[in-house]
Amino acid sequence: GLLAARILGATDENIRKKMADYQENLRAQVQAK
């Protein structure tokens, strides 16, 4: 599902922004740990 979102995000700025936010959230979770 995430790879499909990245494929679509290559040409859709809104999806690409959501992916960047998702990645930032993952980073923040690991940092807290």
PDB file of all heavy atoms in Angstrom:
ATOM      1  N   GLY A   1       0.818  -1.214   0.000  1.00  0.00           N
ATOM      2  CA  GLY A   1       0.000   0.000   0.000  1.00  0.00           C
ATOM      3  C   GLY A   1       0.845   1.254   0.000  1.00  0.00           C
ATOM      4  O   GLY A   1       0.572   2.213  -0.727  1.00  0.00           O
ATOM      5  N   LEU A   2       1.895   1.240   0.808  1.00  0.00           N
ATOM      6  CA  LEU A   2       2.793   2.401   0.846  1.00  0.00           C
ATOM      7  C   LEU A   2       3.526   2.587  -0.478  1.00  0.00           C
ATOM      8  O   LEU A   2       3.710   3.716  -0.940  1.00  0.00           O
ATOM      9  CB  LEU A   2       3.789   2.262   2.002  1.00  0.00           C
ATOM     10  CG  LEU A   2       3.177   2.381   3.402  1.00  0.00           C
ATOM     11  CD1 LEU A   2       4.161   1.928   4.462  1.00  0.00           C
ATOM     12  CD2 LEU A   2       2.702   3.809   3.657  1.00  0.00           C
ATOM     13  N   LEU A   3       3.943   1.502  -1.102  1.00  0.00           N
ATOM     14  CA  LEU A   3       4.610   1.603  -2.404  1.00  0.00           C
ATOM     15  C   LEU A   3       3.642   2.135  -3.460  1.00  0.00           C
ATOM     16  O   LEU A   3       4.022   2.986  -4.278  1.00  0.00           O
ATOM     17  CB  LEU A   3       5.185   0.250  -2.820  1.00  0.00           C
ATOM     18  CG  LEU A   3       5.918   0.209  -4.160  1.00  0.00           C
ATOM     19  CD1 LEU A   3       7.042   1.236  -4.228  1.00  0.00           C
ATOM     20  CD2 LEU A   3       6.439  -1.201  -4.422  1.00  0.00           C
ATOM     21  N   ALA A   4       2.412   1.673  -3.440  1.00  0.00           N
ATOM     22  CA  ALA A   4       1.413   2.197  -4.383  1.00  0.00           C
ATOM     23  C   ALA A   4       1.224   3.694  -4.171  1.00  0.00           C
ATOM     24  O   ALA A   4       1.133   4.455  -5.143  1.00  0.00           O
ATOM     25  CB  ALA A   4       0.091   1.450  -4.220  1.00  0.00           C
ATOM     26  N   ALA A   5       1.182   4.134  -2.921  1.00  0.00           N
ATOM     27  CA  ALA A   5       1.045   5.565  -2.635  1.00  0.00           C
ATOM     28  C   ALA A   5       2.251   6.341  -3.164  1.00  0.00           C
ATOM     29  O   ALA A   5       2.103   7.433  -3.721  1.00  0.00           O
ATOM     30  CB  ALA A   5       0.872   5.790  -1.129  1.00  0.00           C
ATOM     31  N   ARG A   6       3.430   5.775  -3.033  1.00  0.00           N
ATOM     32  CA  ARG A   6       4.627   6.442  -3.555  1.00  0.00           C
ATOM     33  C   ARG A   6       4.600   6.524  -5.081  1.00  0.00           C
ATOM     34  O   ARG A   6       5.011   7.528  -5.657  1.00  0.00           O
ATOM     35  CB  ARG A   6       5.891   5.716  -3.099  1.00  0.00           C
ATOM     36  CG  ARG A   6       6.208   5.947  -1.647  1.00  0.00           C
ATOM     37  CD  ARG A   6       7.440   5.182  -1.226  1.00  0.00           C
ATOM     38  NE  ARG A   6       7.721   5.408   0.174  1.00  0.00           N
ATOM     39  CZ  ARG A   6       8.934   5.609   0.662  1.00  0.00           C
ATOM     40  NH1 ARG A   6       9.985   5.604  -0.131  1.00  0.00           N
ATOM     41  NH2 ARG A   6       9.105   5.805   1.947  1.00  0.00           N
ATOM     42  N   ILE A   7       4.128   5.462  -5.718  1.00  0.00           N
ATOM     43  CA  ILE A   7       4.023   5.482  -7.185  1.00  0.00           C
ATOM     44  C   ILE A   7       3.079   6.600  -7.609  1.00  0.00           C
ATOM     45  O   ILE A   7       3.398   7.394  -8.502  1.00  0.00           O
ATOM     46  CB  ILE A   7       3.556   4.116  -7.717  1.00  0.00           C
ATOM     47  CG1 ILE A   7       4.664   3.064  -7.541  1.00  0.00           C
ATOM     48  CG2 ILE A   7       3.135   4.213  -9.186  1.00  0.00           C
ATOM     49  CD1 ILE A   7       4.219   1.635  -7.778  1.00  0.00           C
ATOM     50  N   LEU A   8       1.926   6.675  -6.971  1.00  0.00           N
ATOM     51  CA  LEU A   8       0.970   7.742  -7.306  1.00  0.00           C
ATOM     52  C   LEU A   8       1.513   9.107  -6.906  1.00  0.00           C
ATOM     53  O   LEU A   8       1.263  10.104  -7.589  1.00  0.00           O
ATOM     54  CB  LEU A   8      -0.373   7.481  -6.625  1.00  0.00           C
ATOM     55  CG  LEU A   8      -1.102   6.211  -7.066  1.00  0.00           C
ATOM     56  CD1 LEU A   8      -2.372   6.025  -6.247  1.00  0.00           C
ATOM     57  CD2 LEU A   8      -1.415   6.242  -8.549  1.00  0.00           C
ATOM     58  N   GLY A   9       2.272   9.157  -5.818  1.00  0.00           N
ATOM     59  CA  GLY A   9       2.845  10.412  -5.348  1.00  0.00           C
ATOM     60  C   GLY A   9       3.900  10.997  -6.264  1.00  0.00           C
ATOM     61  O   GLY A   9       4.224  12.181  -6.184  1.00  0.00           O
ATOM     62  N   ALA A  10       4.424  10.192  -7.153  1.00  0.00           N
ATOM     63  CA  ALA A  10       5.420  10.705  -8.106  1.00  0.00           C
ATOM     64  C   ALA A  10       4.817  11.793  -8.993  1.00  0.00           C
ATOM     65  O   ALA A  10       5.535  12.676  -9.462  1.00  0.00           O
ATOM     66  CB  ALA A  10       5.974   9.566  -8.965  1.00  0.00           C
ATOM     67  N   THR A  11       3.505  11.741  -9.207  1.00  0.00           N
ATOM     68  CA  THR A  11       2.841  12.742 -10.052  1.00  0.00           C
ATOM     69  C   THR A  11       1.710  13.476  -9.334  1.00  0.00           C
ATOM     70  O   THR A  11       1.013  14.255  -9.957  1.00  0.00           O
ATOM     71  CB  THR A  11       2.272  12.080 -11.326  1.00  0.00           C
ATOM     72  OG1 THR A  11       1.363  11.041 -10.945  1.00  0.00           O
ATOM     73  CG2 THR A  11       3.387  11.519 -12.196  1.00  0.00           C
ATOM     74  N   ASP A  12       1.539  13.219  -8.038  1.00  0.00           N
ATOM     75  CA  ASP A  12       0.471  13.865  -7.271  1.00  0.00           C
ATOM     76  C   ASP A  12       1.088  14.483  -6.017  1.00  0.00           C
ATOM     77  O   ASP A  12       1.444  13.780  -5.068  1.00  0.00           O
ATOM     78  CB  ASP A  12      -0.599  12.837  -6.899  1.00  0.00           C
ATOM     79  CG  ASP A  12      -1.793  13.448  -6.186  1.00  0.00           C
ATOM     80  OD1 ASP A  12      -1.603  14.306  -5.290  1.00  0.00           O
ATOM     81  OD2 ASP A  12      -2.930  13.037  -6.505  1.00  0.00           O
ATOM     82  N   GLU A  13       1.208  15.800  -6.026  1.00  0.00           N
ATOM     83  CA  GLU A  13       1.879  16.505  -4.937  1.00  0.00           C
ATOM     84  C   GLU A  13       1.190  16.297  -3.594  1.00  0.00           C
ATOM     85  O   GLU A  13       1.851  16.208  -2.548  1.00  0.00           O
ATOM     86  CB  GLU A  13       1.964  18.002  -5.260  1.00  0.00           C
ATOM     87  CG  GLU A  13       2.792  18.783  -4.288  1.00  0.00           C
ATOM     88  CD  GLU A  13       2.965  20.240  -4.693  1.00  0.00           C
ATOM     89  OE1 GLU A  13       2.846  20.550  -5.890  1.00  0.00           O
ATOM     90  OE2 GLU A  13       3.228  21.055  -3.796  1.00  0.00           O
ATOM     91  N   ASN A  14      -0.133  16.201  -3.580  1.00  0.00           N
ATOM     92  CA  ASN A  14      -0.877  15.993  -2.337  1.00  0.00           C
ATOM     93  C   ASN A  14      -0.500  14.657  -1.694  1.00  0.00           C
ATOM     94  O   ASN A  14      -0.251  14.587  -0.490  1.00  0.00           O
ATOM     95  CB  ASN A  14      -2.384  16.060  -2.617  1.00  0.00           C
ATOM     96  CG  ASN A  14      -3.204  15.948  -1.360  1.00  0.00           C
ATOM     97  OD1 ASN A  14      -2.919  16.583  -0.349  1.00  0.00           O
ATOM     98  ND2 ASN A  14      -4.250  15.138  -1.423  1.00  0.00           N
ATOM     99  N   ILE A  15      -0.444  13.605  -2.487  1.00  0.00           N
ATOM    100  CA  ILE A  15      -0.067  12.290  -1.958  1.00  0.00           C
ATOM    101  C   ILE A  15       1.390  12.306  -1.510  1.00  0.00           C
ATOM    102  O   ILE A  15       1.742  11.754  -0.460  1.00  0.00           O
ATOM    103  CB  ILE A  15      -0.316  11.179  -3.006  1.00  0.00           C
ATOM    104  CG1 ILE A  15      -1.814  11.046  -3.285  1.00  0.00           C
ATOM    105  CG2 ILE A  15       0.266   9.843  -2.533  1.00  0.00           C
ATOM    106  CD1 ILE A  15      -2.157  10.112  -4.436  1.00  0.00           C
ATOM    107  N   ARG A  16       2.250  12.968  -2.287  1.00  0.00           N
ATOM    108  CA  ARG A  16       3.666  13.058  -1.935  1.00  0.00           C
ATOM    109  C   ARG A  16       3.844  13.758  -0.590  1.00  0.00           C
ATOM    110  O   ARG A  16       4.642  13.331   0.258  1.00  0.00           O
ATOM    111  CB  ARG A  16       4.436  13.787  -3.044  1.00  0.00           C
ATOM    112  CG  ARG A  16       5.933  13.668  -2.927  1.00  0.00           C
ATOM    113  CD  ARG A  16       6.669  14.094  -4.189  1.00  0.00           C
ATOM    114  NE  ARG A  16       6.283  15.388  -4.711  1.00  0.00           N
ATOM    115  CZ  ARG A  16       5.623  15.585  -5.866  1.00  0.00           C
ATOM    116  NH1 ARG A  16       5.273  14.562  -6.623  1.00  0.00           N
ATOM    117  NH2 ARG A  16       5.318  16.794  -6.266  1.00  0.00           N
ATOM    118  N   LYS A  17       3.061  14.801  -0.328  1.00  0.00           N
ATOM    119  CA  LYS A  17       3.114  15.523   0.958  1.00  0.00           C
ATOM    120  C   LYS A  17       2.654  14.606   2.092  1.00  0.00           C
ATOM    121  O   LYS A  17       3.262  14.576   3.167  1.00  0.00           O
ATOM    122  CB  LYS A  17       2.234  16.772   0.877  1.00  0.00           C
ATOM    123  CG  LYS A  17       1.947  17.451   2.190  1.00  0.00           C
ATOM    124  CD  LYS A  17       3.110  18.288   2.668  1.00  0.00           C
ATOM    125  CE  LYS A  17       2.732  19.174   3.828  1.00  0.00           C
ATOM    126  NZ  LYS A  17       2.879  18.584   5.142  1.00  0.00           N
ATOM    127  N   LYS A  18       1.589  13.842   1.857  1.00  0.00           N
ATOM    128  CA  LYS A  18       1.122  12.907   2.880  1.00  0.00           C
ATOM    129  C   LYS A  18       2.183  11.848   3.176  1.00  0.00           C
ATOM    130  O   LYS A  18       2.346  11.438   4.326  1.00  0.00           O
ATOM    131  CB  LYS A  18      -0.185  12.243   2.445  1.00  0.00           C
ATOM    132  CG  LYS A  18      -1.369  13.186   2.474  1.00  0.00           C
ATOM    133  CD  LYS A  18      -2.632  12.496   1.984  1.00  0.00           C
ATOM    134  CE  LYS A  18      -3.801  13.471   1.953  1.00  0.00           C
ATOM    135  NZ  LYS A  18      -5.038  12.828   1.469  1.00  0.00           N
ATOM    136  N   MET A  19       2.901  11.412   2.156  1.00  0.00           N
ATOM    137  CA  MET A  19       3.966  10.429   2.360  1.00  0.00           C
ATOM    138  C   MET A  19       5.101  11.038   3.180  1.00  0.00           C
ATOM    139  O   MET A  19       5.637  10.380   4.084  1.00  0.00           O
ATOM    140  CB  MET A  19       4.501   9.912   1.019  1.00  0.00           C
ATOM    141  CG  MET A  19       5.592   8.847   1.161  1.00  0.00           C
ATOM    142  SD  MET A  19       5.125   7.382   2.112  1.00  0.00           S
ATOM    143  CE  MET A  19       3.946   6.621   1.012  1.00  0.00           C
ATOM    144  N   ALA A  20       5.464  12.272   2.889  1.00  0.00           N
ATOM    145  CA  ALA A  20       6.515  12.940   3.664  1.00  0.00           C
ATOM    146  C   ALA A  20       6.082  13.078   5.122  1.00  0.00           C
ATOM    147  O   ALA A  20       6.888  12.865   6.040  1.00  0.00           O
ATOM    148  CB  ALA A  20       6.835  14.303   3.051  1.00  0.00           C
ATOM    149  N   ASP A  21       4.827  13.414   5.359  1.00  0.00           N
ATOM    150  CA  ASP A  21       4.309  13.517   6.723  1.00  0.00           C
ATOM    151  C   ASP A  21       4.334  12.153   7.416  1.00  0.00           C
ATOM    152  O   ASP A  21       4.683  12.047   8.597  1.00  0.00           O
ATOM    153  CB  ASP A  21       2.878  14.064   6.729  1.00  0.00           C
ATOM    154  CG  ASP A  21       2.800  15.526   6.299  1.00  0.00           C
ATOM    155  OD1 ASP A  21       3.851  16.220   6.271  1.00  0.00           O
ATOM    156  OD2 ASP A  21       1.673  15.977   5.975  1.00  0.00           O
ATOM    157  N   TYR A  22       3.975  11.106   6.685  1.00  0.00           N
ATOM    158  CA  TYR A  22       3.998   9.747   7.218  1.00  0.00           C
ATOM    159  C   TYR A  22       5.424   9.370   7.638  1.00  0.00           C
ATOM    160  O   TYR A  22       5.645   8.838   8.720  1.00  0.00           O
ATOM    161  CB  TYR A  22       3.469   8.766   6.149  1.00  0.00           C
ATOM    162  CG  TYR A  22       3.481   7.331   6.583  1.00  0.00           C
ATOM    163  CD1 TYR A  22       2.407   6.776   7.273  1.00  0.00           C
ATOM    164  CD2 TYR A  22       4.571   6.508   6.292  1.00  0.00           C
ATOM    165  CE1 TYR A  22       2.414   5.445   7.669  1.00  0.00           C
ATOM    166  CE2 TYR A  22       4.592   5.180   6.683  1.00  0.00           C
ATOM    167  CZ  TYR A  22       3.515   4.652   7.378  1.00  0.00           C
ATOM    168  OH  TYR A  22       3.534   3.346   7.768  1.00  0.00           O
ATOM    169  N   GLN A  23       6.387   9.677   6.778  1.00  0.00           N
ATOM    170  CA  GLN A  23       7.776   9.364   7.081  1.00  0.00           C
ATOM    171  C   GLN A  23       8.275  10.155   8.292  1.00  0.00           C
ATOM    172  O   GLN A  23       9.010   9.625   9.127  1.00  0.00           O
ATOM    173  CB  GLN A  23       8.653   9.648   5.863  1.00  0.00           C
ATOM    174  CG  GLN A  23       8.420   8.678   4.730  1.00  0.00           C
ATOM    175  CD  GLN A  23       9.236   9.042   3.506  1.00  0.00           C
ATOM    176  OE1 GLN A  23       8.992  10.057   2.864  1.00  0.00           O
ATOM    177  NE2 GLN A  23      10.209   8.203   3.197  1.00  0.00           N
ATOM    178  N   GLU A  24       7.861  11.403   8.394  1.00  0.00           N
ATOM    179  CA  GLU A  24       8.259  12.218   9.544  1.00  0.00           C
ATOM    180  C   GLU A  24       7.675  11.647  10.826  1.00  0.00           C
ATOM    181  O   GLU A  24       8.342  11.614  11.870  1.00  0.00           O
ATOM    182  CB  GLU A  24       7.821  13.677   9.363  1.00  0.00           C
ATOM    183  CG  GLU A  24       8.081  14.568  10.566  1.00  0.00           C
ATOM    184  CD  GLU A  24       9.527  14.594  11.052  1.00  0.00           C
ATOM    185  OE1 GLU A  24      10.456  14.385  10.245  1.00  0.00           O
ATOM    186  OE2 GLU A  24       9.738  14.797  12.266  1.00  0.00           O
ATOM    187  N   ASN A  25       6.447  11.165  10.759  1.00  0.00           N
ATOM    188  CA  ASN A  25       5.823  10.550  11.925  1.00  0.00           C
ATOM    189  C   ASN A  25       6.587   9.292  12.354  1.00  0.00           C
ATOM    190  O   ASN A  25       6.788   9.064  13.552  1.00  0.00           O
ATOM    191  CB  ASN A  25       4.362  10.223  11.626  1.00  0.00           C
ATOM    192  CG  ASN A  25       3.637   9.690  12.838  1.00  0.00           C
ATOM    193  OD1 ASN A  25       3.783  10.205  13.943  1.00  0.00           O
ATOM    194  ND2 ASN A  25       2.852   8.652  12.636  1.00  0.00           N
ATOM    195  N   LEU A  26       7.014   8.477  11.391  1.00  0.00           N
ATOM    196  CA  LEU A  26       7.820   7.298  11.718  1.00  0.00           C
ATOM    197  C   LEU A  26       9.124   7.702  12.407  1.00  0.00           C
ATOM    198  O   LEU A  26       9.533   7.099  13.405  1.00  0.00           O
ATOM    199  CB  LEU A  26       8.151   6.500  10.450  1.00  0.00           C
ATOM    200  CG  LEU A  26       7.034   5.701   9.801  1.00  0.00           C
ATOM    201  CD1 LEU A  26       7.550   5.027   8.535  1.00  0.00           C
ATOM    202  CD2 LEU A  26       6.448   4.681  10.755  1.00  0.00           C
ATOM    203  N   ARG A  27       9.777   8.730  11.858  1.00  0.00           N
ATOM    204  CA  ARG A  27      11.022   9.207  12.446  1.00  0.00           C
ATOM    205  C   ARG A  27      10.803   9.659  13.880  1.00  0.00           C
ATOM    206  O   ARG A  27      11.566   9.320  14.791  1.00  0.00           O
ATOM    207  CB  ARG A  27      11.605  10.354  11.617  1.00  0.00           C
ATOM    208  CG  ARG A  27      13.015  10.773  12.059  1.00  0.00           C
ATOM    209  CD  ARG A  27      13.348  12.215  11.716  1.00  0.00           C
ATOM    210  NE  ARG A  27      12.440  13.173  12.321  1.00  0.00           N
ATOM    211  CZ  ARG A  27      12.456  13.536  13.610  1.00  0.00           C
ATOM    212  NH1 ARG A  27      13.322  13.008  14.453  1.00  0.00           N
ATOM    213  NH2 ARG A  27      11.603  14.420  14.080  1.00  0.00           N
ATOM    214  N   ALA A  28       9.722  10.416  14.114  1.00  0.00           N
ATOM    215  CA  ALA A  28       9.423  10.917  15.452  1.00  0.00           C
ATOM    216  C   ALA A  28       9.132   9.774  16.426  1.00  0.00           C
ATOM    217  O   ALA A  28       9.530   9.832  17.599  1.00  0.00           O
ATOM    218  CB  ALA A  28       8.242  11.885  15.389  1.00  0.00           C
ATOM    219  N   GLN A  29       8.472   8.739  15.965  1.00  0.00           N
ATOM    220  CA  GLN A  29       8.193   7.583  16.828  1.00  0.00           C
ATOM    221  C   GLN A  29       9.484   6.899  17.258  1.00  0.00           C
ATOM    222  O   GLN A  29       9.653   6.531  18.428  1.00  0.00           O
ATOM    223  CB  GLN A  29       7.301   6.583  16.096  1.00  0.00           C
ATOM    224  CG  GLN A  29       5.868   7.033  15.925  1.00  0.00           C
ATOM    225  CD  GLN A  29       5.063   6.021  15.117  1.00  0.00           C
ATOM    226  OE1 GLN A  29       5.333   4.824  15.163  1.00  0.00           O
ATOM    227  NE2 GLN A  29       4.084   6.499  14.374  1.00  0.00           N
ATOM    228  N   VAL A  30      10.402   6.717  16.318  1.00  0.00           N
ATOM    229  CA  VAL A  30      11.678   6.074  16.649  1.00  0.00           C
ATOM    230  C   VAL A  30      12.491   6.971  17.575  1.00  0.00           C
ATOM    231  O   VAL A  30      13.113   6.497  18.532  1.00  0.00           O
ATOM    232  CB  VAL A  30      12.467   5.708  15.373  1.00  0.00           C
ATOM    233  CG1 VAL A  30      13.876   5.221  15.711  1.00  0.00           C
ATOM    234  CG2 VAL A  30      11.710   4.645  14.585  1.00  0.00           C
ATOM    235  N   GLN A  31      12.476   8.269  17.328  1.00  0.00           N
ATOM    236  CA  GLN A  31      13.205   9.193  18.195  1.00  0.00           C
ATOM    237  C   GLN A  31      12.697   9.094  19.625  1.00  0.00           C
ATOM    238  O   GLN A  31      13.482   9.044  20.576  1.00  0.00           O
ATOM    239  CB  GLN A  31      13.085  10.636  17.692  1.00  0.00           C
ATOM    240  CG  GLN A  31      13.832  11.623  18.573  1.00  0.00           C
ATOM    241  CD  GLN A  31      13.776  13.045  18.052  1.00  0.00           C
ATOM    242  OE1 GLN A  31      13.364  13.292  16.919  1.00  0.00           O
ATOM    243  NE2 GLN A  31      14.188  13.979  18.870  1.00  0.00           N
ATOM    244  N   ALA A  32      11.386   9.055  19.811  1.00  0.00           N
ATOM    245  CA  ALA A  32      10.813   8.933  21.156  1.00  0.00           C
ATOM    246  C   ALA A  32      11.275   7.641  21.825  1.00  0.00           C
ATOM    247  O   ALA A  32      11.564   7.622  23.026  1.00  0.00           O
ATOM    248  CB  ALA A  32       9.292   8.987  21.080  1.00  0.00           C
ATOM    249  N   LYS A  33      11.388   6.587  21.051  1.00  0.00           N
ATOM    250  CA  LYS A  33      11.819   5.295  21.600  1.00  0.00           C
ATOM    251  C   LYS A  33      13.277   5.322  22.032  1.00  0.00           C
ATOM    252  O   LYS A  33      13.630   4.850  23.116  1.00  0.00           O
ATOM    253  CB  LYS A  33      11.578   4.176  20.583  1.00  0.00           C
ATOM    254  CG  LYS A  33      10.111   3.886  20.372  1.00  0.00           C
ATOM    255  CD  LYS A  33       9.890   2.861  19.280  1.00  0.00           C
ATOM    256  CE  LYS A  33       8.393   2.675  19.052  1.00  0.00           C
ATOM    257  NZ  LYS A  33       8.104   1.680  18.025  1.00  0.00           N
TER     258      LYS A  33
END
